[in-house]
C-alpha cells in the first residue's frame, strides 16, 4: 500500500492489518515524524519518505516496494493546484500494479446556494492572494477534485473508476472511489 500525502499516517495505521508493506510519502517532515511513531502489527513493514510527491521518483527510495496493489490519498487533493492533478494521477497509474486500485473519498461540489460554497470560495480567494504575495506558497484549497471532475481525471489518466456510497451519516454525499489500473 502506498499513501500519497500520508500526513500523520492515519490511513496506513487504519489498514495496517491488511498489508505486509506500507509506504507513506509526504512533504512535511513533522507529519512524518508523527507517522513514524506508530508501531505496525507483526509482519507489517512501514516506510516513510519526505518529498514533494509531484517531483518524486519512486525508484529513488531504496526498497520502496512498488509497484503497489493499492494507492490511497485522503484529504490531500486541496494541496494540489488543479493543473497538477493530471501529473499526480499519472504517478498513481505508474506505481500501481495492473489491476491495482487508487482509493480516495470525494463528493459533489456544493451548490452555489450553499453557505459552504461561498465560505470555501472565500477561503480559496484569500489563499490565492496570500500565495501571490508570500513565499513559499502554501497550497491549500477547498472544492478541488470533486466527484465529476475526479472521475473524468481518473479516466483520462487511464484508470477505471467505480463509486460506492461511503455510508457516513454526517456526510451522506461522500463516496468512496476505487480507480483501477486495467490489467
N, C-alpha and C. Protein backbone atom coordinates (compact mmCIF):
# COMPACT_ATOMS: atom_id res chain seq x y z
N UNK A 1 0.85 -1.18 0.00
CA UNK A 1 0.00 0.00 0.00
C UNK A 1 0.89 1.24 0.00
N UNK A 2 0.53 2.20 -0.81
CA UNK A 2 1.20 3.50 -0.83
C UNK A 2 0.17 4.55 -0.46
N UNK A 3 0.50 5.40 0.50
CA UNK A 3 -0.38 6.51 0.85
C UNK A 3 0.34 7.80 0.47
N UNK A 4 -0.23 8.48 -0.52
CA UNK A 4 0.33 9.74 -1.02
C UNK A 4 -0.16 10.88 -0.14
N UNK A 5 0.77 11.74 0.27
CA UNK A 5 0.46 12.83 1.20
C UNK A 5 -0.13 12.22 2.47
N UNK A 6 0.63 11.31 3.05
CA UNK A 6 0.15 10.50 4.17
C UNK A 6 -0.01 11.26 5.47
N UNK A 7 0.59 12.45 5.58
CA UNK A 7 0.46 13.21 6.83
C UNK A 7 0.95 12.39 8.01
N UNK A 8 0.12 12.25 9.02
CA UNK A 8 0.50 11.51 10.23
C UNK A 8 0.34 10.00 10.07
N UNK A 9 0.01 9.55 8.87
CA UNK A 9 -0.08 8.12 8.61
C UNK A 9 -1.39 7.48 9.00
N UNK A 10 -2.45 8.27 9.11
CA UNK A 10 -3.73 7.74 9.58
C UNK A 10 -4.25 6.60 8.71
N UNK A 11 -4.17 6.72 7.40
CA UNK A 11 -4.66 5.64 6.53
C UNK A 11 -3.79 4.40 6.67
N UNK A 12 -2.48 4.58 6.74
CA UNK A 12 -1.59 3.42 6.90
C UNK A 12 -1.86 2.71 8.23
N UNK A 13 -2.13 3.47 9.27
CA UNK A 13 -2.46 2.86 10.57
C UNK A 13 -3.78 2.12 10.50
N UNK A 14 -4.77 2.75 9.88
CA UNK A 14 -6.13 2.17 9.84
C UNK A 14 -6.15 0.82 9.16
N UNK A 15 -5.39 0.67 8.09
CA UNK A 15 -5.43 -0.58 7.32
C UNK A 15 -4.16 -1.41 7.44
N UNK A 16 -3.35 -1.16 8.45
CA UNK A 16 -2.08 -1.87 8.60
C UNK A 16 -2.25 -3.38 8.69
N UNK A 17 -3.39 -3.83 9.17
CA UNK A 17 -3.62 -5.28 9.29
C UNK A 17 -3.92 -5.93 7.93
N UNK A 18 -4.08 -5.15 6.87
CA UNK A 18 -4.46 -5.69 5.56
C UNK A 18 -3.29 -5.87 4.59
N UNK A 19 -2.11 -5.41 4.94
CA UNK A 19 -1.00 -5.49 4.00
C UNK A 19 0.29 -5.80 4.74
N UNK A 20 1.28 -6.26 3.96
CA UNK A 20 2.59 -6.60 4.52
C UNK A 20 3.54 -5.42 4.54
N UNK A 21 3.37 -4.54 3.54
CA UNK A 21 4.27 -3.40 3.43
C UNK A 21 3.49 -2.15 3.07
N UNK A 22 3.76 -1.08 3.80
CA UNK A 22 3.14 0.20 3.51
C UNK A 22 4.19 1.27 3.37
N UNK A 23 3.95 2.18 2.43
CA UNK A 23 4.86 3.29 2.19
C UNK A 23 4.05 4.58 2.27
N UNK A 24 4.53 5.52 3.05
CA UNK A 24 3.91 6.83 3.14
C UNK A 24 4.84 7.88 2.58
N UNK A 25 4.29 8.77 1.77
CA UNK A 25 5.06 9.86 1.17
C UNK A 25 4.37 11.16 1.56
N UNK A 26 5.15 12.12 2.06
CA UNK A 26 4.58 13.41 2.43
C UNK A 26 5.66 14.48 2.33
N UNK A 27 5.23 15.71 2.14
CA UNK A 27 6.11 16.87 2.04
C UNK A 27 6.63 17.29 3.41
N UNK A 28 5.84 17.05 4.46
CA UNK A 28 6.14 17.56 5.80
C UNK A 28 6.90 16.55 6.66
N UNK A 29 8.13 16.88 6.99
CA UNK A 29 8.92 16.01 7.86
C UNK A 29 8.28 15.93 9.26
N UNK A 30 7.64 17.01 9.71
CA UNK A 30 6.97 16.99 11.01
C UNK A 30 5.81 15.99 11.04
N UNK A 31 5.03 15.97 9.98
CA UNK A 31 3.94 14.99 9.89
C UNK A 31 4.51 13.58 9.86
N UNK A 32 5.57 13.38 9.10
CA UNK A 32 6.17 12.05 9.01
C UNK A 32 6.76 11.62 10.35
N UNK A 33 7.29 12.56 11.13
CA UNK A 33 7.78 12.22 12.47
C UNK A 33 6.64 11.63 13.31
N UNK A 34 5.46 12.20 13.19
CA UNK A 34 4.29 11.66 13.89
C UNK A 34 3.93 10.27 13.36
N UNK A 35 3.96 10.12 12.04
CA UNK A 35 3.61 8.83 11.43
C UNK A 35 4.57 7.73 11.87
N UNK A 36 5.83 8.06 12.01
CA UNK A 36 6.84 7.06 12.38
C UNK A 36 6.68 6.55 13.80
N UNK A 37 5.89 7.21 14.62
CA UNK A 37 5.68 6.76 16.00
C UNK A 37 4.76 5.55 16.08
N UNK A 38 4.02 5.27 15.02
CA UNK A 38 3.10 4.13 15.01
C UNK A 38 3.88 2.83 14.91
N UNK A 39 3.55 1.88 15.75
CA UNK A 39 4.16 0.56 15.69
C UNK A 39 3.19 -0.36 14.96
N UNK A 40 3.57 -0.82 13.77
CA UNK A 40 2.64 -1.65 12.98
C UNK A 40 2.50 -3.05 13.57
N UNK A 41 1.46 -3.76 13.15
CA UNK A 41 1.32 -5.14 13.60
C UNK A 41 2.50 -6.00 13.15
N UNK A 42 2.73 -7.09 13.86
CA UNK A 42 3.82 -8.01 13.49
C UNK A 42 3.62 -8.45 12.04
N UNK A 43 4.70 -8.46 11.29
CA UNK A 43 4.65 -8.88 9.89
C UNK A 43 4.39 -7.76 8.92
N UNK A 44 4.16 -6.55 9.42
CA UNK A 44 3.93 -5.39 8.55
C UNK A 44 5.10 -4.43 8.67
N UNK A 45 5.61 -4.01 7.53
CA UNK A 45 6.70 -3.04 7.48
C UNK A 45 6.16 -1.73 6.95
N UNK A 46 6.51 -0.64 7.63
CA UNK A 46 6.14 0.69 7.16
C UNK A 46 7.41 1.48 6.85
N UNK A 47 7.36 2.20 5.73
CA UNK A 47 8.46 3.09 5.37
C UNK A 47 7.86 4.45 5.05
N UNK A 48 8.62 5.50 5.35
CA UNK A 48 8.15 6.86 5.09
C UNK A 48 9.23 7.62 4.35
N UNK A 49 8.80 8.45 3.42
CA UNK A 49 9.75 9.21 2.61
C UNK A 49 9.27 10.65 2.51
N UNK A 50 10.15 11.59 2.85
CA UNK A 50 9.82 13.01 2.77
C UNK A 50 10.20 13.51 1.39
N UNK A 51 9.19 14.01 0.66
CA UNK A 51 9.42 14.56 -0.67
C UNK A 51 8.19 15.30 -1.14
N UNK A 52 8.36 16.08 -2.17
CA UNK A 52 7.24 16.66 -2.90
C UNK A 52 6.79 15.58 -3.86
N UNK A 53 5.61 15.04 -3.67
CA UNK A 53 5.17 13.89 -4.44
C UNK A 53 5.16 14.17 -5.94
N UNK A 54 4.95 15.41 -6.35
CA UNK A 54 4.96 15.72 -7.77
C UNK A 54 6.36 15.68 -8.38
N UNK A 55 7.37 15.67 -7.53
CA UNK A 55 8.75 15.57 -8.01
C UNK A 55 9.39 14.24 -7.61
N UNK A 56 8.60 13.36 -7.05
CA UNK A 56 9.08 12.08 -6.53
C UNK A 56 9.27 11.07 -7.64
N UNK A 57 10.40 10.41 -7.60
CA UNK A 57 10.65 9.27 -8.47
C UNK A 57 10.71 8.07 -7.55
N UNK A 58 9.70 7.18 -7.58
CA UNK A 58 9.67 6.07 -6.63
C UNK A 58 10.96 5.27 -6.57
N UNK A 59 11.66 5.12 -7.68
CA UNK A 59 12.90 4.36 -7.69
C UNK A 59 13.98 5.01 -6.84
N UNK A 60 13.82 6.30 -6.50
CA UNK A 60 14.85 6.98 -5.70
C UNK A 60 14.85 6.49 -4.26
N UNK A 61 13.81 5.78 -3.85
CA UNK A 61 13.72 5.28 -2.48
C UNK A 61 14.16 3.82 -2.48
N UNK A 62 15.27 3.56 -1.81
CA UNK A 62 15.76 2.19 -1.75
C UNK A 62 14.72 1.31 -1.06
N UNK A 63 14.33 0.24 -1.73
CA UNK A 63 13.36 -0.67 -1.14
C UNK A 63 11.97 -0.09 -1.06
N UNK A 64 11.59 0.72 -2.04
CA UNK A 64 10.30 1.43 -1.98
C UNK A 64 9.12 0.51 -2.09
N UNK A 65 9.29 -0.71 -2.59
CA UNK A 65 8.23 -1.70 -2.52
C UNK A 65 7.26 -1.75 -3.67
N UNK A 66 7.34 -0.84 -4.61
CA UNK A 66 6.37 -0.83 -5.69
C UNK A 66 6.67 -1.88 -6.74
N UNK A 67 5.79 -2.10 -7.66
CA UNK A 67 4.50 -1.44 -7.78
C UNK A 67 3.54 -1.89 -6.69
N UNK A 68 2.49 -1.09 -6.50
CA UNK A 68 1.59 -1.29 -5.37
C UNK A 68 0.24 -1.86 -5.80
N UNK A 69 -0.34 -2.63 -4.88
CA UNK A 69 -1.70 -3.14 -5.07
C UNK A 69 -2.72 -2.03 -4.86
N UNK A 70 -2.43 -1.15 -3.89
CA UNK A 70 -3.35 -0.08 -3.51
C UNK A 70 -2.56 1.20 -3.30
N UNK A 71 -3.09 2.29 -3.83
CA UNK A 71 -2.59 3.64 -3.55
C UNK A 71 -3.76 4.41 -2.96
N UNK A 72 -3.52 5.12 -1.87
CA UNK A 72 -4.57 5.93 -1.25
C UNK A 72 -4.11 7.37 -1.14
N UNK A 73 -5.09 8.24 -1.00
CA UNK A 73 -4.83 9.64 -0.67
C UNK A 73 -6.12 10.18 -0.06
N UNK A 74 -6.04 10.60 1.18
CA UNK A 74 -7.23 11.07 1.89
C UNK A 74 -6.99 12.48 2.40
N UNK A 75 -7.80 13.40 1.90
CA UNK A 75 -7.74 14.77 2.38
C UNK A 75 -6.59 15.58 1.83
N UNK A 76 -5.94 15.11 0.78
CA UNK A 76 -4.75 15.81 0.28
C UNK A 76 -4.97 16.55 -1.02
N UNK A 77 -6.09 16.37 -1.68
CA UNK A 77 -6.26 16.95 -3.01
C UNK A 77 -6.24 18.46 -2.99
N UNK A 78 -6.60 19.08 -1.89
CA UNK A 78 -6.55 20.53 -1.78
C UNK A 78 -5.14 21.08 -1.77
N UNK A 79 -4.14 20.20 -1.63
CA UNK A 79 -2.75 20.62 -1.64
C UNK A 79 -2.13 20.58 -3.03
N UNK A 80 -2.97 20.37 -4.04
CA UNK A 80 -2.50 20.34 -5.43
C UNK A 80 -3.28 21.35 -6.24
N UNK A 81 -2.56 22.14 -7.02
CA UNK A 81 -3.23 23.02 -7.96
C UNK A 81 -3.96 22.13 -8.97
N UNK A 82 -5.11 22.58 -9.46
CA UNK A 82 -5.82 21.76 -10.46
C UNK A 82 -4.96 21.36 -11.65
N UNK A 83 -4.06 22.23 -12.08
CA UNK A 83 -3.19 21.91 -13.21
C UNK A 83 -2.20 20.79 -12.89
N UNK A 84 -1.95 20.53 -11.60
CA UNK A 84 -1.02 19.47 -11.19
C UNK A 84 -1.70 18.11 -11.01
N UNK A 85 -3.03 18.10 -10.98
CA UNK A 85 -3.73 16.84 -10.74
C UNK A 85 -3.46 15.78 -11.81
N UNK A 86 -3.37 16.13 -13.10
CA UNK A 86 -3.02 15.09 -14.09
C UNK A 86 -1.66 14.45 -13.81
N UNK A 87 -0.68 15.24 -13.37
CA UNK A 87 0.64 14.68 -13.05
C UNK A 87 0.55 13.74 -11.85
N UNK A 88 -0.25 14.11 -10.86
CA UNK A 88 -0.45 13.25 -9.70
C UNK A 88 -1.06 11.92 -10.12
N UNK A 89 -2.09 11.98 -10.96
CA UNK A 89 -2.75 10.75 -11.39
C UNK A 89 -1.85 9.92 -12.30
N UNK A 90 -1.00 10.55 -13.08
CA UNK A 90 -0.03 9.80 -13.89
C UNK A 90 0.93 9.04 -12.98
N UNK A 91 1.37 9.67 -11.89
CA UNK A 91 2.24 8.99 -10.92
C UNK A 91 1.50 7.81 -10.31
N UNK A 92 0.25 8.02 -9.91
CA UNK A 92 -0.54 6.94 -9.32
C UNK A 92 -0.62 5.76 -10.29
N UNK A 93 -0.96 6.03 -11.53
CA UNK A 93 -1.07 4.95 -12.51
C UNK A 93 0.26 4.24 -12.68
N UNK A 94 1.34 5.01 -12.69
CA UNK A 94 2.69 4.44 -12.87
C UNK A 94 3.05 3.47 -11.74
N UNK A 95 2.71 3.79 -10.51
CA UNK A 95 3.13 2.96 -9.37
C UNK A 95 2.16 1.84 -9.04
N UNK A 96 0.98 1.83 -9.67
CA UNK A 96 0.02 0.75 -9.44
C UNK A 96 0.36 -0.48 -10.28
N UNK A 97 0.17 -1.66 -9.69
CA UNK A 97 0.24 -2.89 -10.46
C UNK A 97 -0.96 -2.94 -11.40
N UNK A 98 -0.86 -3.63 -12.51
CA UNK A 98 -2.07 -3.86 -13.30
C UNK A 98 -3.13 -4.53 -12.41
N UNK A 99 -4.31 -3.99 -12.43
CA UNK A 99 -5.38 -4.46 -11.54
C UNK A 99 -5.37 -3.79 -10.18
N UNK A 100 -4.35 -2.96 -9.91
CA UNK A 100 -4.27 -2.24 -8.64
C UNK A 100 -5.28 -1.11 -8.59
N UNK A 101 -5.57 -0.63 -7.36
CA UNK A 101 -6.62 0.37 -7.17
C UNK A 101 -6.09 1.62 -6.48
N UNK A 102 -6.56 2.75 -6.97
CA UNK A 102 -6.36 4.05 -6.32
C UNK A 102 -7.65 4.34 -5.56
N UNK A 103 -7.55 4.49 -4.25
CA UNK A 103 -8.74 4.64 -3.40
C UNK A 103 -8.71 6.01 -2.73
N UNK A 104 -9.84 6.72 -2.85
CA UNK A 104 -9.96 8.03 -2.22
C UNK A 104 -11.44 8.33 -1.97
N UNK A 105 -11.67 9.35 -1.16
CA UNK A 105 -13.03 9.79 -0.84
C UNK A 105 -13.23 11.18 -1.43
N UNK A 106 -14.40 11.39 -2.00
CA UNK A 106 -14.75 12.71 -2.52
C UNK A 106 -16.27 12.84 -2.51
N UNK A 107 -16.74 13.91 -3.03
CA UNK A 107 -18.18 14.15 -3.12
C UNK A 107 -18.46 15.21 -4.15
N UNK A 108 -19.72 15.48 -4.37
CA UNK A 108 -20.06 16.52 -5.34
C UNK A 108 -19.71 17.90 -4.80
N UNK A 109 -19.47 18.82 -5.72
CA UNK A 109 -19.24 20.21 -5.31
C UNK A 109 -20.55 20.76 -4.73
N UNK A 110 -20.47 21.61 -3.70
CA UNK A 110 -21.70 22.19 -3.15
C UNK A 110 -22.35 23.14 -4.15
N UNK A 111 -23.64 23.28 -4.02
CA UNK A 111 -24.39 24.20 -4.89
C UNK A 111 -24.06 25.64 -4.54
N UNK A 112 -24.20 26.51 -5.53
CA UNK A 112 -23.92 27.94 -5.32
C UNK A 112 -24.83 28.56 -4.27
N UNK A 113 -25.95 27.94 -3.99
CA UNK A 113 -26.86 28.46 -2.96
C UNK A 113 -26.45 28.04 -1.55
N UNK A 114 -25.42 27.22 -1.44
CA UNK A 114 -24.98 26.71 -0.14
C UNK A 114 -23.97 27.65 0.52
N UNK A 115 -24.09 27.88 1.83
CA UNK A 115 -23.08 28.67 2.53
C UNK A 115 -21.68 28.06 2.42
N UNK A 116 -21.60 26.73 2.35
CA UNK A 116 -20.31 26.05 2.22
C UNK A 116 -19.62 26.47 0.91
N UNK A 117 -20.39 26.59 -0.15
CA UNK A 117 -19.85 27.01 -1.44
C UNK A 117 -19.15 28.37 -1.29
N UNK A 118 -19.83 29.33 -0.68
CA UNK A 118 -19.28 30.69 -0.56
C UNK A 118 -18.14 30.75 0.43
N UNK A 119 -18.22 30.02 1.52
CA UNK A 119 -17.13 30.01 2.50
C UNK A 119 -15.87 29.41 1.88
N UNK A 120 -16.02 28.31 1.15
CA UNK A 120 -14.87 27.67 0.52
C UNK A 120 -14.25 28.56 -0.55
N UNK A 121 -15.08 29.18 -1.37
CA UNK A 121 -14.54 30.08 -2.40
C UNK A 121 -13.88 31.30 -1.77
N UNK A 122 -14.41 31.79 -0.68
CA UNK A 122 -13.78 32.91 0.03
C UNK A 122 -12.41 32.51 0.56
N UNK A 123 -12.34 31.33 1.19
CA UNK A 123 -11.06 30.82 1.68
C UNK A 123 -10.06 30.69 0.54
N UNK A 124 -10.51 30.11 -0.58
CA UNK A 124 -9.62 29.93 -1.73
C UNK A 124 -9.09 31.27 -2.24
N UNK A 125 -9.95 32.29 -2.26
CA UNK A 125 -9.52 33.61 -2.72
C UNK A 125 -8.46 34.18 -1.79
N UNK A 126 -8.66 34.03 -0.50
CA UNK A 126 -7.66 34.52 0.47
C UNK A 126 -6.33 33.78 0.26
N UNK A 127 -6.38 32.46 0.05
CA UNK A 127 -5.16 31.69 -0.15
C UNK A 127 -4.45 32.11 -1.44
N UNK A 128 -5.20 32.40 -2.48
CA UNK A 128 -4.57 32.83 -3.74
C UNK A 128 -3.86 34.18 -3.57
N UNK A 129 -4.49 35.10 -2.85
CA UNK A 129 -3.85 36.39 -2.57
C UNK A 129 -2.61 36.17 -1.71
N UNK A 130 -2.75 35.36 -0.66
CA UNK A 130 -1.62 35.06 0.22
C UNK A 130 -0.45 34.51 -0.59
N UNK A 131 -0.73 33.56 -1.48
CA UNK A 131 0.33 32.92 -2.26
C UNK A 131 0.92 33.83 -3.32
N UNK A 132 0.17 34.85 -3.73
CA UNK A 132 0.69 35.81 -4.69
C UNK A 132 1.70 36.77 -4.05
N UNK A 133 1.57 36.98 -2.74
CA UNK A 133 2.43 37.97 -2.08
C UNK A 133 3.44 37.35 -1.11
N UNK A 134 3.28 36.09 -0.76
CA UNK A 134 4.18 35.46 0.21
C UNK A 134 4.86 34.24 -0.39
N UNK A 135 6.09 34.02 0.02
CA UNK A 135 6.86 32.85 -0.40
C UNK A 135 7.37 32.16 0.85
N UNK A 136 7.44 30.87 0.87
CA UNK A 136 6.95 29.98 -0.16
C UNK A 136 5.42 29.92 -0.13
N UNK A 137 4.82 29.54 -1.25
CA UNK A 137 3.36 29.41 -1.26
C UNK A 137 2.92 28.24 -0.38
N UNK A 138 1.73 28.34 0.13
CA UNK A 138 1.12 27.23 0.87
C UNK A 138 -0.14 26.85 0.09
N UNK A 139 -0.08 25.73 -0.56
CA UNK A 139 -1.18 25.29 -1.41
C UNK A 139 -2.19 24.56 -0.55
N UNK A 140 -3.34 25.18 -0.34
CA UNK A 140 -4.44 24.56 0.39
C UNK A 140 -5.72 25.22 -0.09
N UNK A 141 -6.45 24.48 -0.90
CA UNK A 141 -7.70 24.99 -1.45
C UNK A 141 -8.82 23.99 -1.20
N UNK A 142 -10.01 24.51 -1.10
CA UNK A 142 -11.19 23.66 -0.95
C UNK A 142 -11.87 23.49 -2.30
N UNK A 143 -12.75 22.50 -2.35
CA UNK A 143 -13.57 22.22 -3.52
C UNK A 143 -12.75 21.78 -4.73
N UNK A 144 -11.64 21.10 -4.47
CA UNK A 144 -10.87 20.54 -5.57
C UNK A 144 -11.15 19.05 -5.66
N UNK A 145 -11.06 18.51 -6.84
CA UNK A 145 -11.21 17.08 -7.06
C UNK A 145 -12.59 16.58 -6.63
N UNK A 146 -13.63 17.36 -6.98
CA UNK A 146 -14.99 16.94 -6.67
C UNK A 146 -15.37 15.77 -7.57
N UNK A 147 -16.43 15.10 -7.23
CA UNK A 147 -16.77 13.82 -7.86
C UNK A 147 -16.74 13.83 -9.38
N UNK A 148 -17.50 14.67 -10.05
CA UNK A 148 -17.48 14.56 -11.53
C UNK A 148 -16.09 14.78 -12.13
N UNK A 149 -15.38 15.81 -11.63
CA UNK A 149 -14.06 16.08 -12.21
C UNK A 149 -13.06 14.99 -11.83
N UNK A 150 -13.16 14.43 -10.63
CA UNK A 150 -12.25 13.37 -10.21
C UNK A 150 -12.43 12.13 -11.08
N UNK A 151 -13.68 11.78 -11.37
CA UNK A 151 -13.93 10.61 -12.21
C UNK A 151 -13.37 10.82 -13.62
N UNK A 152 -13.59 12.01 -14.16
CA UNK A 152 -13.09 12.29 -15.50
C UNK A 152 -11.56 12.30 -15.52
N UNK A 153 -10.93 12.91 -14.52
CA UNK A 153 -9.46 12.95 -14.48
C UNK A 153 -8.88 11.53 -14.35
N UNK A 154 -9.55 10.67 -13.58
CA UNK A 154 -9.10 9.28 -13.47
C UNK A 154 -9.19 8.58 -14.82
N UNK A 155 -10.28 8.76 -15.51
CA UNK A 155 -10.45 8.13 -16.83
C UNK A 155 -9.37 8.61 -17.81
N UNK A 156 -9.13 9.91 -17.83
CA UNK A 156 -8.11 10.47 -18.72
C UNK A 156 -6.73 9.90 -18.39
N UNK A 157 -6.48 9.62 -17.11
CA UNK A 157 -5.20 9.06 -16.68
C UNK A 157 -5.09 7.56 -16.95
N UNK A 158 -6.16 6.96 -17.47
CA UNK A 158 -6.11 5.54 -17.77
C UNK A 158 -6.53 4.66 -16.60
N UNK A 159 -7.29 5.21 -15.68
CA UNK A 159 -7.82 4.45 -14.55
C UNK A 159 -9.32 4.32 -14.71
N UNK A 160 -9.87 3.20 -14.29
CA UNK A 160 -11.31 2.94 -14.43
C UNK A 160 -11.98 3.09 -13.06
N UNK A 161 -12.67 4.21 -12.83
CA UNK A 161 -13.24 4.46 -11.50
C UNK A 161 -14.61 3.79 -11.30
N UNK A 162 -14.83 3.34 -10.08
CA UNK A 162 -16.15 2.91 -9.62
C UNK A 162 -16.44 3.67 -8.34
N UNK A 163 -17.72 3.90 -8.09
CA UNK A 163 -18.14 4.73 -6.97
C UNK A 163 -19.04 3.92 -6.05
N UNK A 164 -18.77 4.02 -4.75
CA UNK A 164 -19.58 3.36 -3.73
C UNK A 164 -19.95 4.39 -2.68
N UNK A 165 -21.22 4.48 -2.28
CA UNK A 165 -21.56 5.41 -1.20
C UNK A 165 -20.73 5.09 0.05
N UNK A 166 -20.25 6.12 0.70
CA UNK A 166 -19.42 5.92 1.88
C UNK A 166 -20.26 5.45 3.07
N UNK A 167 -21.51 5.91 3.12
CA UNK A 167 -22.38 5.47 4.21
C UNK A 167 -22.09 6.15 5.53
N UNK A 168 -21.61 7.38 5.47
CA UNK A 168 -21.30 8.13 6.68
C UNK A 168 -22.42 9.12 6.92
N UNK A 169 -23.17 8.93 7.99
CA UNK A 169 -24.38 9.72 8.25
C UNK A 169 -24.15 11.24 8.24
N UNK A 170 -23.07 11.75 8.85
CA UNK A 170 -22.90 13.21 8.82
C UNK A 170 -22.71 13.79 7.43
N UNK A 171 -22.20 13.00 6.50
CA UNK A 171 -21.98 13.46 5.12
C UNK A 171 -22.42 12.39 4.13
N UNK A 172 -23.73 12.22 3.95
CA UNK A 172 -24.20 11.16 3.06
C UNK A 172 -23.82 11.37 1.59
N UNK A 173 -23.35 12.57 1.24
CA UNK A 173 -22.96 12.85 -0.14
C UNK A 173 -21.56 12.33 -0.48
N UNK A 174 -20.77 11.95 0.53
CA UNK A 174 -19.42 11.47 0.26
C UNK A 174 -19.44 10.05 -0.29
N UNK A 175 -18.50 9.79 -1.19
CA UNK A 175 -18.40 8.47 -1.82
C UNK A 175 -16.95 7.97 -1.77
N UNK A 176 -16.82 6.67 -1.83
CA UNK A 176 -15.51 6.02 -1.95
C UNK A 176 -15.30 5.72 -3.43
N UNK A 177 -14.19 6.19 -3.96
CA UNK A 177 -13.86 5.93 -5.35
C UNK A 177 -12.71 4.94 -5.37
N UNK A 178 -12.87 3.91 -6.18
CA UNK A 178 -11.79 2.97 -6.45
C UNK A 178 -11.51 3.04 -7.95
N UNK A 179 -10.37 3.60 -8.30
CA UNK A 179 -9.99 3.75 -9.69
C UNK A 179 -8.93 2.69 -10.00
N UNK A 180 -9.29 1.74 -10.84
CA UNK A 180 -8.47 0.58 -11.09
C UNK A 180 -7.61 0.77 -12.34
N UNK A 181 -6.33 0.37 -12.22
CA UNK A 181 -5.47 0.32 -13.41
C UNK A 181 -5.82 -0.95 -14.17
N UNK A 182 -6.18 -0.83 -15.42
CA UNK A 182 -6.55 -2.04 -16.18
C UNK A 182 -5.42 -3.09 -16.17
N UNK A 183 -5.83 -4.34 -16.17
CA UNK A 183 -4.85 -5.45 -16.15
C UNK A 183 -4.16 -5.57 -17.49
